[in-house]
Amino acid sequence: MNTYPTFEELTTLLRSLRPFLLDPTSAGEVILKHRNDFVTAADVGVQKRLRQALAERYPHIRFMGEEDADHTVDPDVPTFILDPIDGTTNYIFSYGLSAVSLALVHRHRAELGAIYNPYTDELFLAERGKGAFLNGSPIRVVEATAPGEALAAIGTSSYYKEHVDSLMAITRRLYLDCIDIRRSGSAATDLAYTANGRVGLYAERKLQLWDYAAGAVILEEAGGKITDWAGKPLPMTGEADIAASNGALHPYLLSVLKEYT
């Protein structure tokens, strides 16, 4: 038995969710967890399906999903980290930018990552030391050395609107310095798009481990860089402010974040 799931296994497993996720009846009842933070029957359904499938194949690996009550992570124990639908608000409104985000984390590092958008059928995959791929083809970050050569993505941390003033200041600066701004509503998607060179940099406050774990390894394997807003390595145990880039733009991004926070 493989220690980790293979790309082939992940591809089969995640793509099997597509009919369920694209069925308009799957959302079911929408529950408000916190301000602007929703959960649907589809979130719960995806998590249940993946937990069961992974437990059958990899019983030695712990599982933690966003919809669990207990979000503690022991860094010494290999753990699957799942966001069953990253971009639930998008999902509720059929916006077409939602993703299943699955990572395997061990010893403060993401070793394996998969981000799957059922609407576009795009599957981003990476394993530490083996490169990053989109639907089987290798991907790399954009070759931009100045902000004016790239798009920027920004997350609005909609659960924490008390940070609006600094967020808008950062957004304005990135808008003026970069080609333009993009806002997807899905952190996993923004990280995948940074890895694939669609955007050159991305920042968001107060993301949870299930938001960024898979994207972290995919981005790093594509040649990019991801840290917290102080430039420190991500904790891989809980909440973090995320700064992600193609690497060359990272000093610029950190300087902007430091100036306006």
Protein backbone atom coordinates (compact mmCIF):
# COMPACT_ATOMS: atom_id res chain seq x y z
CA MET A 1 0.00 0.00 0.00
CA ASN A 2 1.25 3.48 -0.86
CA THR A 3 2.09 5.76 2.06
CA TYR A 4 0.28 8.65 0.36
CA PRO A 5 -2.50 8.69 -2.24
CA THR A 6 -1.20 8.69 -5.79
CA PHE A 7 -2.19 11.37 -8.29
CA GLU A 8 -4.27 8.75 -10.06
CA GLU A 9 -6.18 7.93 -6.88
CA LEU A 10 -6.81 11.59 -6.10
CA THR A 11 -7.95 12.26 -9.65
CA THR A 12 -10.47 9.43 -9.54
CA LEU A 13 -11.65 10.32 -6.06
CA LEU A 14 -12.12 14.05 -6.59
CA ARG A 15 -13.61 13.83 -10.07
CA SER A 16 -16.15 11.32 -8.76
CA LEU A 17 -17.62 14.22 -6.75
CA ARG A 18 -18.42 16.29 -9.82
CA PRO A 19 -21.96 15.02 -10.54
CA PHE A 20 -22.90 15.52 -6.89
CA LEU A 21 -21.47 19.05 -6.72
CA LEU A 22 -23.01 20.16 -10.00
CA ASP A 23 -26.45 18.85 -9.04
CA PRO A 24 -28.41 21.98 -8.02
CA THR A 25 -30.30 19.97 -5.39
CA SER A 26 -27.11 18.98 -3.54
CA ALA A 27 -26.78 22.27 -1.67
CA GLY A 28 -29.86 21.44 0.36
CA GLU A 29 -30.41 23.52 3.48
CA VAL A 30 -28.06 26.50 3.89
CA ILE A 31 -26.99 27.12 7.48
CA LEU A 32 -25.35 30.32 8.76
CA LYS A 33 -22.42 29.32 11.00
CA HIS A 34 -21.14 32.84 11.64
CA ARG A 35 -21.50 36.20 9.94
CA ASN A 36 -21.20 35.60 6.16
CA ASP A 37 -20.02 32.04 6.87
CA PHE A 38 -22.31 29.37 5.43
CA VAL A 39 -22.44 25.59 5.31
CA THR A 40 -24.58 23.52 2.95
CA ALA A 41 -25.60 19.89 2.76
CA ALA A 42 -23.06 19.59 -0.05
CA ASP A 43 -20.20 20.63 2.27
CA VAL A 44 -21.23 17.94 4.73
CA GLY A 45 -21.79 15.39 1.96
CA VAL A 46 -18.40 15.90 0.32
CA GLN A 47 -16.63 15.70 3.67
CA LYS A 48 -18.43 12.48 4.60
CA ARG A 49 -17.62 10.84 1.26
CA LEU A 50 -13.94 11.77 1.32
CA ARG A 51 -13.49 10.86 4.98
CA GLN A 52 -14.90 7.39 4.34
CA ALA A 53 -12.92 6.78 1.13
CA LEU A 54 -9.63 7.94 2.62
CA ALA A 55 -10.14 6.02 5.88
CA GLU A 56 -10.66 2.80 3.93
CA ARG A 57 -7.45 3.25 1.94
CA TYR A 58 -5.25 5.07 4.48
CA PRO A 59 -6.38 4.22 8.02
CA HIS A 60 -2.98 5.29 9.41
CA ILE A 61 -3.55 8.91 8.35
CA ARG A 62 -5.71 11.13 10.56
CA PHE A 63 -8.49 13.20 8.97
CA MET A 64 -9.60 16.75 9.83
CA GLY A 65 -12.24 18.63 7.86
CA GLU A 66 -13.65 22.12 8.08
CA GLU A 67 -17.03 20.79 9.18
CA ASP A 68 -15.55 18.86 12.12
CA ALA A 69 -16.06 20.20 15.63
CA ASP A 70 -12.42 19.55 16.57
CA HIS A 71 -9.86 21.40 14.46
CA THR A 72 -6.74 20.56 16.46
CA VAL A 73 -3.81 19.17 14.48
CA ASP A 74 -0.90 17.20 15.91
CA PRO A 75 2.07 18.13 13.70
CA ASP A 76 3.73 14.78 14.43
CA VAL A 77 0.79 12.81 13.03
CA PRO A 78 0.17 12.71 9.24
CA THR A 79 -3.22 14.32 8.69
CA PHE A 80 -5.53 14.85 5.75
CA ILE A 81 -6.83 18.43 5.82
CA LEU A 82 -10.05 19.04 3.89
CA ASP A 83 -12.11 22.02 2.87
CA PRO A 84 -15.04 20.22 1.23
CA ILE A 85 -16.17 23.35 -0.61
CA ASP A 86 -13.82 26.31 -0.50
CA GLY A 87 -15.96 29.20 -1.67
CA THR A 88 -19.27 28.06 -0.19
CA THR A 89 -20.86 31.46 -0.76
CA ASN A 90 -19.92 31.18 -4.45
CA TYR A 91 -21.41 27.69 -4.45
CA ILE A 92 -24.70 28.89 -2.97
CA PHE A 93 -25.00 31.54 -5.67
CA SER A 94 -23.78 29.27 -8.52
CA TYR A 95 -20.84 31.59 -9.14
CA GLY A 96 -18.67 28.86 -10.64
CA LEU A 97 -15.57 29.48 -8.50
CA SER A 98 -15.58 26.87 -5.75
CA ALA A 99 -13.10 24.10 -5.07
CA VAL A 100 -12.54 20.96 -3.06
CA SER A 101 -9.22 21.46 -1.28
CA LEU A 102 -7.44 18.42 0.15
CA ALA A 103 -3.96 18.33 1.69
CA LEU A 104 -1.80 15.92 3.61
CA VAL A 105 0.13 17.71 6.35
CA HIS A 106 2.96 16.29 8.46
CA ARG A 107 5.57 17.95 10.68
CA HIS A 108 4.50 21.51 9.93
CA ARG A 109 4.64 21.00 6.17
CA ALA A 110 2.11 20.21 3.48
CA GLU A 111 3.36 17.12 1.64
CA LEU A 112 0.50 16.62 -0.81
CA GLY A 113 -2.14 18.96 -2.20
CA ALA A 114 -5.16 18.73 -4.49
CA ILE A 115 -7.52 21.54 -5.51
CA TYR A 116 -10.45 20.63 -7.73
CA ASN A 117 -12.97 23.00 -9.34
CA PRO A 118 -15.92 20.87 -10.50
CA TYR A 119 -17.32 23.68 -12.67
CA THR A 120 -14.22 23.92 -14.87
CA ASP A 121 -13.05 20.33 -14.23
CA GLU A 122 -9.61 21.74 -13.37
CA LEU A 123 -7.59 19.61 -10.96
CA PHE A 124 -4.39 21.04 -9.49
CA LEU A 125 -2.10 18.44 -7.89
CA ALA A 126 1.32 18.48 -6.23
CA GLU A 127 3.47 16.28 -4.05
CA ARG A 128 6.54 17.59 -2.26
CA GLY A 129 9.57 17.17 -4.50
CA LYS A 130 7.58 15.94 -7.51
CA GLY A 131 6.30 19.15 -9.11
CA ALA A 132 2.87 20.71 -9.60
CA PHE A 133 0.33 19.86 -12.29
CA LEU A 134 -2.95 21.01 -13.78
CA ASN A 135 -4.93 18.16 -15.36
CA GLY A 136 -1.70 16.24 -15.75
CA SER A 137 0.41 19.01 -17.30
CA PRO A 138 3.24 20.69 -15.35
CA ILE A 139 2.62 24.26 -14.17
CA ARG A 140 4.91 27.11 -13.16
CA VAL A 141 4.46 30.55 -11.67
CA VAL A 142 4.50 33.62 -13.88
CA GLU A 143 7.92 35.03 -14.76
CA ALA A 144 7.25 38.55 -13.49
CA THR A 145 9.92 40.56 -11.67
CA ALA A 146 7.91 43.76 -11.15
CA PRO A 147 4.30 44.20 -9.96
CA GLY A 148 3.39 45.97 -13.19
CA GLU A 149 3.96 42.70 -15.05
CA ALA A 150 1.34 40.65 -13.18
CA LEU A 151 -2.23 40.49 -11.93
CA ALA A 152 -2.81 40.57 -8.18
CA ALA A 153 -5.41 38.61 -6.25
CA ILE A 154 -6.84 39.78 -2.95
CA GLY A 155 -9.09 38.07 -0.44
CA THR A 156 -11.57 40.22 1.44
CA SER A 157 -11.76 38.16 4.68
CA SER A 158 -15.51 38.64 4.70
CA TYR A 159 -15.91 37.20 8.20
CA TYR A 160 -13.71 40.00 9.59
CA LYS A 161 -15.03 43.24 8.16
CA GLU A 162 -13.38 45.22 10.96
CA HIS A 163 -10.21 45.09 8.82
CA VAL A 164 -11.87 46.89 5.91
CA ASP A 165 -9.75 50.08 6.09
CA SER A 166 -6.38 48.33 5.85
CA LEU A 167 -7.75 45.89 3.29
CA MET A 168 -8.97 48.64 1.01
CA ALA A 169 -5.65 50.47 1.35
CA ILE A 170 -3.76 47.33 0.36
CA THR A 171 -6.15 46.70 -2.52
CA ARG A 172 -5.74 50.26 -3.79
CA ARG A 173 -1.94 49.97 -3.70
CA LEU A 174 -1.94 46.63 -5.51
CA TYR A 175 -4.41 47.98 -8.07
CA LEU A 176 -2.17 50.97 -8.79
CA ASP A 177 1.07 48.97 -8.94
CA CYS A 178 -0.10 45.80 -10.70
CA ILE A 179 -1.89 45.24 -14.00
CA ASP A 180 -5.24 44.76 -12.25
CA ILE A 181 -6.95 43.10 -9.28
CA ARG A 182 -8.82 39.80 -9.12
CA ARG A 183 -11.12 38.59 -6.33
CA SER A 184 -12.31 34.98 -6.68
CA GLY A 185 -14.00 34.30 -3.35
CA SER A 186 -12.02 31.08 -2.92
CA ALA A 187 -8.62 31.08 -1.23
CA ALA A 188 -7.73 27.68 -2.64
CA THR A 189 -8.51 28.92 -6.14
CA ASP A 190 -6.37 32.04 -5.65
CA LEU A 191 -3.42 29.92 -4.52
CA ALA A 192 -3.86 27.53 -7.45
CA TYR A 193 -4.03 30.46 -9.86
CA THR A 194 -0.84 31.91 -8.37
CA ALA A 195 0.84 28.54 -8.90
CA ASN A 196 -0.35 28.43 -12.50
CA GLY A 197 0.78 31.97 -13.31
CA ARG A 198 -2.70 33.43 -13.78
CA VAL A 199 -1.89 35.88 -11.01
CA GLY A 200 1.52 36.91 -9.72
CA LEU A 201 0.66 37.48 -6.08
CA TYR A 202 -2.14 36.98 -3.57
CA ALA A 203 -2.83 38.05 0.01
CA GLU A 204 -5.59 37.44 2.54
CA ARG A 205 -5.99 37.72 6.29
CA LYS A 206 -7.16 35.08 8.78
CA LEU A 207 -7.28 31.99 6.63
CA GLN A 208 -7.69 28.59 8.21
CA LEU A 209 -5.46 25.58 7.61
CA TRP A 210 -8.02 23.95 5.31
CA ASP A 211 -8.04 27.11 3.18
CA TYR A 212 -4.32 27.20 2.46
CA ALA A 213 -2.65 23.81 3.14
CA ALA A 214 -3.22 22.26 -0.30
CA GLY A 215 -2.45 25.49 -2.11
CA ALA A 216 0.80 25.91 -0.20
CA VAL A 217 2.45 22.77 -1.55
CA ILE A 218 1.04 23.31 -5.04
CA LEU A 219 2.43 26.85 -5.14
CA GLU A 220 5.84 25.90 -3.77
CA GLU A 221 6.16 22.99 -6.19
CA ALA A 222 5.32 25.40 -9.03
CA GLY A 223 8.24 27.63 -8.01
CA GLY A 224 6.38 30.13 -5.88
CA LYS A 225 6.61 31.31 -2.29
CA ILE A 226 4.07 31.40 0.55
CA THR A 227 4.56 32.87 4.03
CA ASP A 228 2.63 34.77 6.65
CA TRP A 229 2.49 38.56 6.36
CA ALA A 230 5.72 38.91 8.35
CA GLY A 231 7.54 36.63 5.92
CA LYS A 232 7.65 33.69 8.34
CA PRO A 233 6.87 30.07 7.43
CA LEU A 234 3.23 29.07 7.76
CA PRO A 235 2.35 27.19 10.97
CA MET A 236 0.33 24.41 9.29
CA THR A 237 -1.66 24.05 12.49
CA GLY A 238 -4.33 26.78 12.33
CA GLU A 239 -5.14 30.35 11.37
CA ALA A 240 -2.67 32.49 9.41
CA ASP A 241 -2.43 35.66 7.33
CA ILE A 242 -1.29 34.52 3.88
CA ALA A 243 1.15 36.15 1.47
CA ALA A 244 1.67 34.16 -1.74
CA SER A 245 3.61 35.04 -4.87
CA ASN A 246 5.73 33.81 -7.74
CA GLY A 247 8.76 34.32 -5.47
CA ALA A 248 10.30 37.26 -7.29
CA LEU A 249 7.42 39.51 -6.21
CA HIS A 250 7.45 38.39 -2.59
CA PRO A 251 9.59 41.22 -1.17
CA TYR A 252 7.31 43.76 -2.86
CA LEU A 253 4.17 42.07 -1.53
CA LEU A 254 5.50 41.89 2.03
CA SER A 255 6.49 45.54 1.92
CA VAL A 256 2.96 46.56 0.90
CA LEU A 257 1.38 44.42 3.60
CA LYS A 258 3.73 45.83 6.26
CA GLU A 259 3.05 49.42 5.19
CA TYR A 260 -0.73 49.18 5.46
CA THR A 261 -1.19 46.97 8.55
